[in-house]
Amino acid sequence: MKIKKGDNVLVIKGRDRGKKGKILKVFPEEEKVQIEGVNIRKKHAKPKRGGQKGQTVELFVPLSVSSCQLLCPKCGKPARIGMSVKGVKKFRICKRCKSEI
């Protein structure tokens, strides 16, 4: 996967289309990512002890990698990602402005 934790992305599909957020967690086996402020679900939690009340908890549900696009830090626009090799190291590059990410 070319998207990593901490990248800023734009959601391009689904009910949260157009929202921007930071990647909190990556699930490479499932090809899903968890994005801050996107795809939020509410879950009702039971009280844990006798005196407590039940509550609703908001959860960030993972979203498919194909539903989001990386925002280039240099040009600030959504862009496809390419790979470039310099010596022994691999770098991610923005296909739009050709800068290293």
PDB file of N, CA and C in Angstrom:
ATOM      1  N   MET A   1       0.834  -1.183   0.000  1.00  0.00           N
ATOM      2  CA  MET A   1       0.000   0.000   0.000  1.00  0.00           C
ATOM      3  C   MET A   1       0.877   1.245   0.000  1.00  0.00           C
ATOM      4  N   LYS A   2       0.460   2.242  -0.752  1.00  0.00           N
ATOM      5  CA  LYS A   2       1.246   3.460  -0.876  1.00  0.00           C
ATOM      6  C   LYS A   2       0.822   4.546   0.103  1.00  0.00           C
ATOM      7  N   ILE A   3      -0.229   4.280   0.873  1.00  0.00           N
ATOM      8  CA  ILE A   3      -0.699   5.240   1.871  1.00  0.00           C
ATOM      9  C   ILE A   3      -0.214   4.785   3.245  1.00  0.00           C
ATOM     10  N   LYS A   4       0.281   5.749   4.046  1.00  0.00           N
ATOM     11  CA  LYS A   4       0.835   5.418   5.357  1.00  0.00           C
ATOM     12  C   LYS A   4       0.130   6.198   6.465  1.00  0.00           C
ATOM     13  N   LYS A   5       0.366   5.778   7.699  1.00  0.00           N
ATOM     14  CA  LYS A   5      -0.192   6.451   8.872  1.00  0.00           C
ATOM     15  C   LYS A   5       0.329   7.891   8.922  1.00  0.00           C
ATOM     16  N   GLY A   6      -0.573   8.824   9.194  1.00  0.00           N
ATOM     17  CA  GLY A   6      -0.185  10.231   9.296  1.00  0.00           C
ATOM     18  C   GLY A   6      -0.381  11.032   8.018  1.00  0.00           C
ATOM     19  N   ASP A   7      -0.669  10.365   6.893  1.00  0.00           N
ATOM     20  CA  ASP A   7      -0.918  11.062   5.626  1.00  0.00           C
ATOM     21  C   ASP A   7      -2.270  11.762   5.669  1.00  0.00           C
ATOM     22  N   ASN A   8      -2.365  12.880   4.963  1.00  0.00           N
ATOM     23  CA  ASN A   8      -3.645  13.566   4.803  1.00  0.00           C
ATOM     24  C   ASN A   8      -4.290  13.067   3.525  1.00  0.00           C
ATOM     25  N   VAL A   9      -5.570  12.696   3.613  1.00  0.00           N
ATOM     26  CA  VAL A   9      -6.274  12.137   2.462  1.00  0.00           C
ATOM     27  C   VAL A   9      -7.617  12.830   2.255  1.00  0.00           C
ATOM     28  N   LEU A  10      -8.158  12.652   1.041  1.00  0.00           N
ATOM     29  CA  LEU A  10      -9.473  13.143   0.670  1.00  0.00           C
ATOM     30  C   LEU A  10     -10.330  11.940   0.327  1.00  0.00           C
ATOM     31  N   VAL A  11     -11.540  11.873   0.879  1.00  0.00           N
ATOM     32  CA  VAL A  11     -12.452  10.764   0.585  1.00  0.00           C
ATOM     33  C   VAL A  11     -13.130  11.061  -0.749  1.00  0.00           C
ATOM     34  N   ILE A  12     -13.059  10.104  -1.695  1.00  0.00           N
ATOM     35  CA  ILE A  12     -13.592  10.326  -3.036  1.00  0.00           C
ATOM     36  C   ILE A  12     -14.839   9.509  -3.332  1.00  0.00           C
ATOM     37  N   LYS A  13     -15.222   8.598  -2.431  1.00  0.00           N
ATOM     38  CA  LYS A  13     -16.409   7.762  -2.630  1.00  0.00           C
ATOM     39  C   LYS A  13     -17.206   7.667  -1.341  1.00  0.00           C
ATOM     40  N   GLY A  14     -18.489   7.377  -1.479  1.00  0.00           N
ATOM     41  CA  GLY A  14     -19.322   7.106  -0.315  1.00  0.00           C
ATOM     42  C   GLY A  14     -20.020   8.332   0.237  1.00  0.00           C
ATOM     43  N   ARG A  15     -20.661   8.151   1.387  1.00  0.00           N
ATOM     44  CA  ARG A  15     -21.457   9.234   1.964  1.00  0.00           C
ATOM     45  C   ARG A  15     -20.596  10.353   2.540  1.00  0.00           C
ATOM     46  N   ASP A  16     -19.318  10.087   2.817  1.00  0.00           N
ATOM     47  CA  ASP A  16     -18.407  11.102   3.346  1.00  0.00           C
ATOM     48  C   ASP A  16     -17.551  11.730   2.246  1.00  0.00           C
ATOM     49  N   ARG A  17     -18.004  11.654   1.001  1.00  0.00           N
ATOM     50  CA  ARG A  17     -17.252  12.183  -0.141  1.00  0.00           C
ATOM     51  C   ARG A  17     -16.947  13.668   0.064  1.00  0.00           C
ATOM     52  N   GLY A  18     -15.692  14.044  -0.187  1.00  0.00           N
ATOM     53  CA  GLY A  18     -15.283  15.437  -0.062  1.00  0.00           C
ATOM     54  C   GLY A  18     -14.641  15.788   1.268  1.00  0.00           C
ATOM     55  N   LYS A  19     -14.749  14.906   2.258  1.00  0.00           N
ATOM     56  CA  LYS A  19     -14.154  15.182   3.570  1.00  0.00           C
ATOM     57  C   LYS A  19     -12.657  14.897   3.538  1.00  0.00           C
ATOM     58  N   LYS A  20     -11.912  15.704   4.298  1.00  0.00           N
ATOM     59  CA  LYS A  20     -10.470  15.515   4.419  1.00  0.00           C
ATOM     60  C   LYS A  20     -10.161  15.058   5.834  1.00  0.00           C
ATOM     61  N   GLY A  21      -9.119  14.250   5.979  1.00  0.00           N
ATOM     62  CA  GLY A  21      -8.741  13.776   7.299  1.00  0.00           C
ATOM     63  C   GLY A  21      -7.356  13.156   7.304  1.00  0.00           C
ATOM     64  N   LYS A  22      -6.884  12.874   8.496  1.00  0.00           N
ATOM     65  CA  LYS A  22      -5.566  12.278   8.697  1.00  0.00           C
ATOM     66  C   LYS A  22      -5.742  10.793   8.983  1.00  0.00           C
ATOM     67  N   ILE A  23      -4.859   9.971   8.448  1.00  0.00           N
ATOM     68  CA  ILE A  23      -4.948   8.528   8.655  1.00  0.00           C
ATOM     69  C   ILE A  23      -4.462   8.191  10.058  1.00  0.00           C
ATOM     70  N   LEU A  24      -5.324   7.500  10.815  1.00  0.00           N
ATOM     71  CA  LEU A  24      -4.999   7.103  12.184  1.00  0.00           C
ATOM     72  C   LEU A  24      -4.377   5.718  12.239  1.00  0.00           C
ATOM     73  N   LYS A  25      -4.874   4.804  11.403  1.00  0.00           N
ATOM     74  CA  LYS A  25      -4.430   3.416  11.436  1.00  0.00           C
ATOM     75  C   LYS A  25      -4.554   2.811  10.041  1.00  0.00           C
ATOM     76  N   VAL A  26      -3.635   1.908   9.705  1.00  0.00           N
ATOM     77  CA  VAL A  26      -3.643   1.241   8.401  1.00  0.00           C
ATOM     78  C   VAL A  26      -3.764  -0.263   8.616  1.00  0.00           C
ATOM     79  N   PHE A  27      -4.645  -0.905   7.835  1.00  0.00           N
ATOM     80  CA  PHE A  27      -4.832  -2.350   7.868  1.00  0.00           C
ATOM     81  C   PHE A  27      -4.437  -2.913   6.503  1.00  0.00           C
ATOM     82  N   PRO A  28      -3.137  -3.232   6.286  1.00  0.00           N
ATOM     83  CA  PRO A  28      -2.679  -3.661   4.958  1.00  0.00           C
ATOM     84  C   PRO A  28      -3.262  -4.986   4.479  1.00  0.00           C
ATOM     85  N   GLU A  29      -3.557  -5.920   5.399  1.00  0.00           N
ATOM     86  CA  GLU A  29      -4.101  -7.224   4.988  1.00  0.00           C
ATOM     87  C   GLU A  29      -5.492  -7.055   4.385  1.00  0.00           C
ATOM     88  N   GLU A  30      -6.267  -6.145   4.951  1.00  0.00           N
ATOM     89  CA  GLU A  30      -7.643  -5.920   4.499  1.00  0.00           C
ATOM     90  C   GLU A  30      -7.741  -4.785   3.488  1.00  0.00           C
ATOM     91  N   GLU A  31      -6.634  -4.066   3.264  1.00  0.00           N
ATOM     92  CA  GLU A  31      -6.574  -2.886   2.401  1.00  0.00           C
ATOM     93  C   GLU A  31      -7.593  -1.836   2.833  1.00  0.00           C
ATOM     94  N   LYS A  32      -7.561  -1.519   4.141  1.00  0.00           N
ATOM     95  CA  LYS A  32      -8.455  -0.516   4.708  1.00  0.00           C
ATOM     96  C   LYS A  32      -7.648   0.456   5.553  1.00  0.00           C
ATOM     97  N   VAL A  33      -8.198   1.658   5.724  1.00  0.00           N
ATOM     98  CA  VAL A  33      -7.568   2.681   6.558  1.00  0.00           C
ATOM     99  C   VAL A  33      -8.617   3.311   7.463  1.00  0.00           C
ATOM    100  N   GLN A  34      -8.171   3.783   8.612  1.00  0.00           N
ATOM    101  CA  GLN A  34      -9.035   4.462   9.565  1.00  0.00           C
ATOM    102  C   GLN A  34      -8.680   5.944   9.501  1.00  0.00           C
ATOM    103  N   ILE A  35      -9.672   6.789   9.148  1.00  0.00           N
ATOM    104  CA  ILE A  35      -9.428   8.208   8.933  1.00  0.00           C
ATOM    105  C   ILE A  35     -10.133   9.020  10.014  1.00  0.00           C
ATOM    106  N   GLU A  36      -9.426  10.023  10.524  1.00  0.00           N
ATOM    107  CA  GLU A  36      -9.952  10.876  11.589  1.00  0.00           C
ATOM    108  C   GLU A  36     -11.142  11.698  11.078  1.00  0.00           C
ATOM    109  N   GLY A  37     -12.284  11.582  11.758  1.00  0.00           N
ATOM    110  CA  GLY A  37     -13.470  12.362  11.422  1.00  0.00           C
ATOM    111  C   GLY A  37     -14.284  11.851  10.251  1.00  0.00           C
ATOM    112  N   VAL A  38     -13.958  10.662   9.731  1.00  0.00           N
ATOM    113  CA  VAL A  38     -14.650  10.108   8.565  1.00  0.00           C
ATOM    114  C   VAL A  38     -15.187   8.721   8.901  1.00  0.00           C
ATOM    115  N   ASN A  39     -16.373   8.390   8.382  1.00  0.00           N
ATOM    116  CA  ASN A  39     -17.007   7.086   8.554  1.00  0.00           C
ATOM    117  C   ASN A  39     -17.229   6.764  10.040  1.00  0.00           C
ATOM    118  N   ILE A  40     -17.898   7.683  10.721  1.00  0.00           N
ATOM    119  CA  ILE A  40     -18.148   7.540  12.158  1.00  0.00           C
ATOM    120  C   ILE A  40     -19.454   6.780  12.382  1.00  0.00           C
ATOM    121  N   ARG A  41     -19.417   5.802  13.266  1.00  0.00           N
ATOM    122  CA  ARG A  41     -20.602   5.029  13.636  1.00  0.00           C
ATOM    123  C   ARG A  41     -20.821   5.194  15.140  1.00  0.00           C
ATOM    124  N   LYS A  42     -22.086   5.144  15.543  1.00  0.00           N
ATOM    125  CA  LYS A  42     -22.412   5.229  16.971  1.00  0.00           C
ATOM    126  C   LYS A  42     -22.768   3.846  17.486  1.00  0.00           C
ATOM    127  N   LYS A  43     -22.203   3.507  18.643  1.00  0.00           N
ATOM    128  CA  LYS A  43     -22.457   2.214  19.271  1.00  0.00           C
ATOM    129  C   LYS A  43     -22.980   2.478  20.680  1.00  0.00           C
ATOM    130  N   HIS A  44     -24.011   1.763  21.055  1.00  0.00           N
ATOM    131  CA  HIS A  44     -24.576   1.912  22.392  1.00  0.00           C
ATOM    132  C   HIS A  44     -23.859   0.956  23.343  1.00  0.00           C
ATOM    133  N   ALA A  45     -23.268   1.523  24.398  1.00  0.00           N
ATOM    134  CA  ALA A  45     -22.519   0.729  25.370  1.00  0.00           C
ATOM    135  C   ALA A  45     -23.351   0.545  26.635  1.00  0.00           C
ATOM    136  N   LYS A  46     -23.347  -0.663  27.140  1.00  0.00           N
ATOM    137  CA  LYS A  46     -24.067  -0.968  28.379  1.00  0.00           C
ATOM    138  C   LYS A  46     -23.287  -0.405  29.564  1.00  0.00           C
ATOM    139  N   PRO A  47     -23.983  -0.151  30.685  1.00  0.00           N
ATOM    140  CA  PRO A  47     -23.263   0.293  31.879  1.00  0.00           C
ATOM    141  C   PRO A  47     -22.358  -0.826  32.396  1.00  0.00           C
ATOM    142  N   LYS A  48     -21.141  -0.471  32.817  1.00  0.00           N
ATOM    143  CA  LYS A  48     -20.181  -1.483  33.273  1.00  0.00           C
ATOM    144  C   LYS A  48     -20.414  -1.873  34.734  1.00  0.00           C
ATOM    145  N   ARG A  49     -20.833  -0.909  35.552  1.00  0.00           N
ATOM    146  CA  ARG A  49     -21.110  -1.187  36.961  1.00  0.00           C
ATOM    147  C   ARG A  49     -22.557  -0.830  37.259  1.00  0.00           C
ATOM    148  N   GLY A  50     -23.008  -1.193  38.404  1.00  0.00           N
ATOM    149  CA  GLY A  50     -24.405  -0.970  38.783  1.00  0.00           C
ATOM    150  C   GLY A  50     -24.849   0.482  38.793  1.00  0.00           C
ATOM    151  N   GLY A  51     -24.003   1.389  39.264  1.00  0.00           N
ATOM    152  CA  GLY A  51     -24.389   2.791  39.397  1.00  0.00           C
ATOM    153  C   GLY A  51     -24.209   3.631  38.140  1.00  0.00           C
ATOM    154  N   GLN A  52     -23.539   3.114  37.127  1.00  0.00           N
ATOM    155  CA  GLN A  52     -23.269   3.900  35.919  1.00  0.00           C
ATOM    156  C   GLN A  52     -24.437   3.856  34.940  1.00  0.00           C
ATOM    157  N   LYS A  53     -24.456   4.833  34.048  1.00  0.00           N
ATOM    158  CA  LYS A  53     -25.466   4.874  32.995  1.00  0.00           C
ATOM    159  C   LYS A  53     -24.864   4.349  31.695  1.00  0.00           C
ATOM    160  N   GLY A  54     -25.725   3.871  30.819  1.00  0.00           N
ATOM    161  CA  GLY A  54     -25.276   3.480  29.490  1.00  0.00           C
ATOM    162  C   GLY A  54     -24.978   4.725  28.671  1.00  0.00           C
ATOM    163  N   GLN A  55     -24.208   4.568  27.616  1.00  0.00           N
ATOM    164  CA  GLN A  55     -23.838   5.722  26.802  1.00  0.00           C
ATOM    165  C   GLN A  55     -23.669   5.328  25.339  1.00  0.00           C
ATOM    166  N   THR A  56     -23.628   6.325  24.474  1.00  0.00           N
ATOM    167  CA  THR A  56     -23.343   6.063  23.063  1.00  0.00           C
ATOM    168  C   THR A  56     -21.894   6.457  22.804  1.00  0.00           C
ATOM    169  N   VAL A  57     -21.170   5.595  22.120  1.00  0.00           N
ATOM    170  CA  VAL A  57     -19.758   5.805  21.832  1.00  0.00           C
ATOM    171  C   VAL A  57     -19.589   5.947  20.327  1.00  0.00           C
ATOM    172  N   GLU A  58     -18.813   6.948  19.895  1.00  0.00           N
ATOM    173  CA  GLU A  58     -18.540   7.131  18.474  1.00  0.00           C
ATOM    174  C   GLU A  58     -17.273   6.368  18.100  1.00  0.00           C
ATOM    175  N   LEU A  59     -17.352   5.573  17.035  1.00  0.00           N
ATOM    176  CA  LEU A  59     -16.223   4.775  16.567  1.00  0.00           C
ATOM    177  C   LEU A  59     -15.849   5.181  15.149  1.00  0.00           C
ATOM    178  N   PHE A  60     -14.543   5.242  14.847  1.00  0.00           N
ATOM    179  CA  PHE A  60     -14.070   5.469  13.487  1.00  0.00           C
ATOM    180  C   PHE A  60     -13.944   4.106  12.825  1.00  0.00           C
ATOM    181  N   VAL A  61     -14.825   3.807  11.880  1.00  0.00           N
ATOM    182  CA  VAL A  61     -14.840   2.514  11.194  1.00  0.00           C
ATOM    183  C   VAL A  61     -13.882   2.580  10.005  1.00  0.00           C
ATOM    184  N   PRO A  62     -13.087   1.521   9.763  1.00  0.00           N
ATOM    185  CA  PRO A  62     -12.153   1.533   8.637  1.00  0.00           C
ATOM    186  C   PRO A  62     -12.858   1.696   7.289  1.00  0.00           C
ATOM    187  N   LEU A  63     -12.160   2.355   6.366  1.00  0.00           N
ATOM    188  CA  LEU A  63     -12.662   2.654   5.032  1.00  0.00           C
ATOM    189  C   LEU A  63     -11.706   2.037   4.018  1.00  0.00           C
ATOM    190  N   SER A  64     -12.209   1.617   2.882  1.00  0.00           N
ATOM    191  CA  SER A  64     -11.371   1.007   1.853  1.00  0.00           C
ATOM    192  C   SER A  64     -10.352   2.011   1.310  1.00  0.00           C
ATOM    193  N   VAL A  65      -9.164   1.527   0.996  1.00  0.00           N
ATOM    194  CA  VAL A  65      -8.098   2.375   0.465  1.00  0.00           C
ATOM    195  C   VAL A  65      -8.507   2.986  -0.873  1.00  0.00           C
ATOM    196  N   SER A  66      -9.289   2.251  -1.652  1.00  0.00           N
ATOM    197  CA  SER A  66      -9.709   2.747  -2.963  1.00  0.00           C
ATOM    198  C   SER A  66     -10.709   3.894  -2.858  1.00  0.00           C
ATOM    199  N   SER A  67     -11.246   4.144  -1.669  1.00  0.00           N
ATOM    200  CA  SER A  67     -12.216   5.220  -1.469  1.00  0.00           C
ATOM    201  C   SER A  67     -11.571   6.537  -1.057  1.00  0.00           C
ATOM    202  N   CYS A  68     -10.253   6.558  -0.928  1.00  0.00           N
ATOM    203  CA  CYS A  68      -9.583   7.794  -0.539  1.00  0.00           C
ATOM    204  C   CYS A  68      -8.360   8.040  -1.419  1.00  0.00           C
ATOM    205  N   GLN A  69      -7.972   9.319  -1.497  1.00  0.00           N
ATOM    206  CA  GLN A  69      -6.845   9.706  -2.333  1.00  0.00           C
ATOM    207  C   GLN A  69      -5.930  10.621  -1.529  1.00  0.00           C
ATOM    208  N   LEU A  70      -4.639  10.408  -1.654  1.00  0.00           N
ATOM    209  CA  LEU A  70      -3.646  11.169  -0.904  1.00  0.00           C
ATOM    210  C   LEU A  70      -3.626  12.624  -1.348  1.00  0.00           C
ATOM    211  N   LEU A  71      -3.516  13.540  -0.379  1.00  0.00           N
ATOM    212  CA  LEU A  71      -3.347  14.959  -0.680  1.00  0.00           C
ATOM    213  C   LEU A  71      -1.856  15.257  -0.682  1.00  0.00           C
ATOM    214  N   CYS A  72      -1.363  15.790  -1.781  1.00  0.00           N
ATOM    215  CA  CYS A  72       0.064  16.102  -1.905  1.00  0.00           C
ATOM    216  C   CYS A  72       0.404  17.246  -0.956  1.00  0.00           C
ATOM    217  N   PRO A  73       1.450  17.097  -0.121  1.00  0.00           N
ATOM    218  CA  PRO A  73       1.806  18.167   0.812  1.00  0.00           C
ATOM    219  C   PRO A  73       2.334  19.422   0.110  1.00  0.00           C
ATOM    220  N   LYS A  74       2.895  19.267  -1.097  1.00  0.00           N
ATOM    221  CA  LYS A  74       3.459  20.418  -1.803  1.00  0.00           C
ATOM    222  C   LYS A  74       2.391  21.203  -2.562  1.00  0.00           C
ATOM    223  N   CYS A  75       1.620  20.518  -3.429  1.00  0.00           N
ATOM    224  CA  CYS A  75       0.627  21.233  -4.243  1.00  0.00           C
ATOM    225  C   CYS A  75      -0.739  21.299  -3.566  1.00  0.00           C
ATOM    226  N   GLY A  76      -0.991  20.485  -2.536  1.00  0.00           N
ATOM    227  CA  GLY A  76      -2.234  20.536  -1.781  1.00  0.00           C
ATOM    228  C   GLY A  76      -3.442  19.956  -2.487  1.00  0.00           C
ATOM    229  N   LYS A  77      -3.230  19.288  -3.607  1.00  0.00           N
ATOM    230  CA  LYS A  77      -4.327  18.712  -4.381  1.00  0.00           C
ATOM    231  C   LYS A  77      -4.296  17.192  -4.275  1.00  0.00           C
ATOM    232  N   PRO A  78      -5.456  16.530  -4.466  1.00  0.00           N
ATOM    233  CA  PRO A  78      -5.448  15.065  -4.475  1.00  0.00           C
ATOM    234  C   PRO A  78      -4.674  14.559  -5.681  1.00  0.00           C
ATOM    235  N   ALA A  79      -3.805  13.577  -5.448  1.00  0.00           N
ATOM    236  CA  ALA A  79      -2.952  13.092  -6.532  1.00  0.00           C
ATOM    237  C   ALA A  79      -2.721  11.599  -6.416  1.00  0.00           C
ATOM    238  N   ARG A  80      -2.426  10.998  -7.563  1.00  0.00           N
ATOM    239  CA  ARG A  80      -2.032   9.600  -7.567  1.00  0.00           C
ATOM    240  C   ARG A  80      -0.584   9.519  -7.096  1.00  0.00           C
ATOM    241  N   ILE A  81      -0.193   8.350  -6.623  1.00  0.00           N
ATOM    242  CA  ILE A  81       1.132   8.178  -6.043  1.00  0.00           C
ATOM    243  C   ILE A  81       1.948   7.240  -6.910  1.00  0.00           C
ATOM    244  N   GLY A  82       3.192   7.612  -7.155  1.00  0.00           N
ATOM    245  CA  GLY A  82       4.113   6.754  -7.880  1.00  0.00           C
ATOM    246  C   GLY A  82       5.308   6.453  -6.999  1.00  0.00           C
ATOM    247  N   MET A  83       6.130   5.511  -7.435  1.00  0.00           N
ATOM    248  CA  MET A  83       7.326   5.158  -6.674  1.00  0.00           C
ATOM    249  C   MET A  83       8.560   5.513  -7.494  1.00  0.00           C
ATOM    250  N   SER A  84       9.586   6.010  -6.814  1.00  0.00           N
ATOM    251  CA  SER A  84      10.844   6.368  -7.451  1.00  0.00           C
ATOM    252  C   SER A  84      11.977   5.742  -6.647  1.00  0.00           C
ATOM    253  N   VAL A  85      12.985   5.245  -7.336  1.00  0.00           N
ATOM    254  CA  VAL A  85      14.121   4.612  -6.668  1.00  0.00           C
ATOM    255  C   VAL A  85      15.356   5.476  -6.885  1.00  0.00           C
ATOM    256  N   LYS A  86      16.000   5.858  -5.772  1.00  0.00           N
ATOM    257  CA  LYS A  86      17.256   6.602  -5.828  1.00  0.00           C
ATOM    258  C   LYS A  86      18.270   5.816  -5.019  1.00  0.00           C
ATOM    259  N   GLY A  87      19.202   5.194  -5.714  1.00  0.00           N
ATOM    260  CA  GLY A  87      20.186   4.355  -5.034  1.00  0.00           C
ATOM    261  C   GLY A  87      19.528   3.105  -4.495  1.00  0.00           C
ATOM    262  N   VAL A  88      19.486   2.981  -3.172  1.00  0.00           N
ATOM    263  CA  VAL A  88      18.898   1.808  -2.531  1.00  0.00           C
ATOM    264  C   VAL A  88      17.489   2.111  -2.006  1.00  0.00           C
ATOM    265  N   LYS A  89      17.183   3.393  -1.776  1.00  0.00           N
ATOM    266  CA  LYS A  89      15.912   3.777  -1.160  1.00  0.00           C
ATOM    267  C   LYS A  89      14.807   3.989  -2.184  1.00  0.00           C
ATOM    268  N   LYS A  90      13.562   3.695  -1.739  1.00  0.00           N
ATOM    269  CA  LYS A  90      12.364   3.949  -2.536  1.00  0.00           C
ATOM    270  C   LYS A  90      11.661   5.178  -1.975  1.00  0.00           C
ATOM    271  N   PHE A  91      11.171   6.023  -2.845  1.00  0.00           N
ATOM    272  CA  PHE A  91      10.444   7.212  -2.436  1.00  0.00           C
ATOM    273  C   PHE A  91       9.090   7.253  -3.115  1.00  0.00           C
ATOM    274  N   ARG A  92       8.113   7.830  -2.415  1.00  0.00           N
ATOM    275  CA  ARG A  92       6.805   8.061  -3.027  1.00  0.00           C
ATOM    276  C   ARG A  92       6.850   9.427  -3.709  1.00  0.00           C
ATOM    277  N   ILE A  93       6.276   9.516  -4.908  1.00  0.00           N
ATOM    278  CA  ILE A  93       6.237  10.788  -5.616  1.00  0.00           C
ATOM    279  C   ILE A  93       4.800  11.112  -6.020  1.00  0.00           C
ATOM    280  N   CYS A  94       4.510  12.399  -6.102  1.00  0.00           N
ATOM    281  CA  CYS A  94       3.210  12.881  -6.561  1.00  0.00           C
ATOM    282  C   CYS A  94       3.231  12.852  -8.085  1.00  0.00           C
ATOM    283  N   LYS A  95       2.248  12.200  -8.697  1.00  0.00           N
ATOM    284  CA  LYS A  95       2.201  12.112 -10.157  1.00  0.00           C
ATOM    285  C   LYS A  95       1.811  13.450 -10.781  1.00  0.00           C
ATOM    286  N   ARG A  96       1.221  14.346  -9.996  1.00  0.00           N
ATOM    287  CA  ARG A  96       0.756  15.628 -10.512  1.00  0.00           C
ATOM    288  C   ARG A  96       1.891  16.655 -10.597  1.00  0.00           C
ATOM    289  N   CYS A  97       2.655  16.825  -9.507  1.00  0.00           N
ATOM    290  CA  CYS A  97       3.718  17.842  -9.497  1.00  0.00           C
ATOM    291  C   CYS A  97       5.121  17.242  -9.470  1.00  0.00           C
ATOM    292  N   LYS A  98       5.230  15.914  -9.471  1.00  0.00           N
ATOM    293  CA  LYS A  98       6.508  15.186  -9.514  1.00  0.00           C
ATOM    294  C   LYS A  98       7.415  15.440  -8.307  1.00  0.00           C
ATOM    295  N   SER A  99       6.851  15.854  -7.170  1.00  0.00           N
ATOM    296  CA  SER A  99       7.661  16.085  -5.976  1.00  0.00           C
ATOM    297  C   SER A  99       7.637  14.860  -5.065  1.00  0.00           C
ATOM    298  N   GLU A 100       8.665  14.731  -4.226  1.00  0.00           N
ATOM    299  CA  GLU A 100       8.737  13.621  -3.270  1.00  0.00           C
ATOM    300  C   GLU A 100       7.774  13.870  -2.121  1.00  0.00           C
ATOM    301  N   ILE A 101       7.173  12.784  -1.649  1.00  0.00           N
ATOM    302  CA  ILE A 101       6.238  12.880  -0.523  1.00  0.00           C
ATOM    303  C   ILE A 101       6.930  12.355   0.720  1.00  0.00           C
TER     304      ILE A 101
END
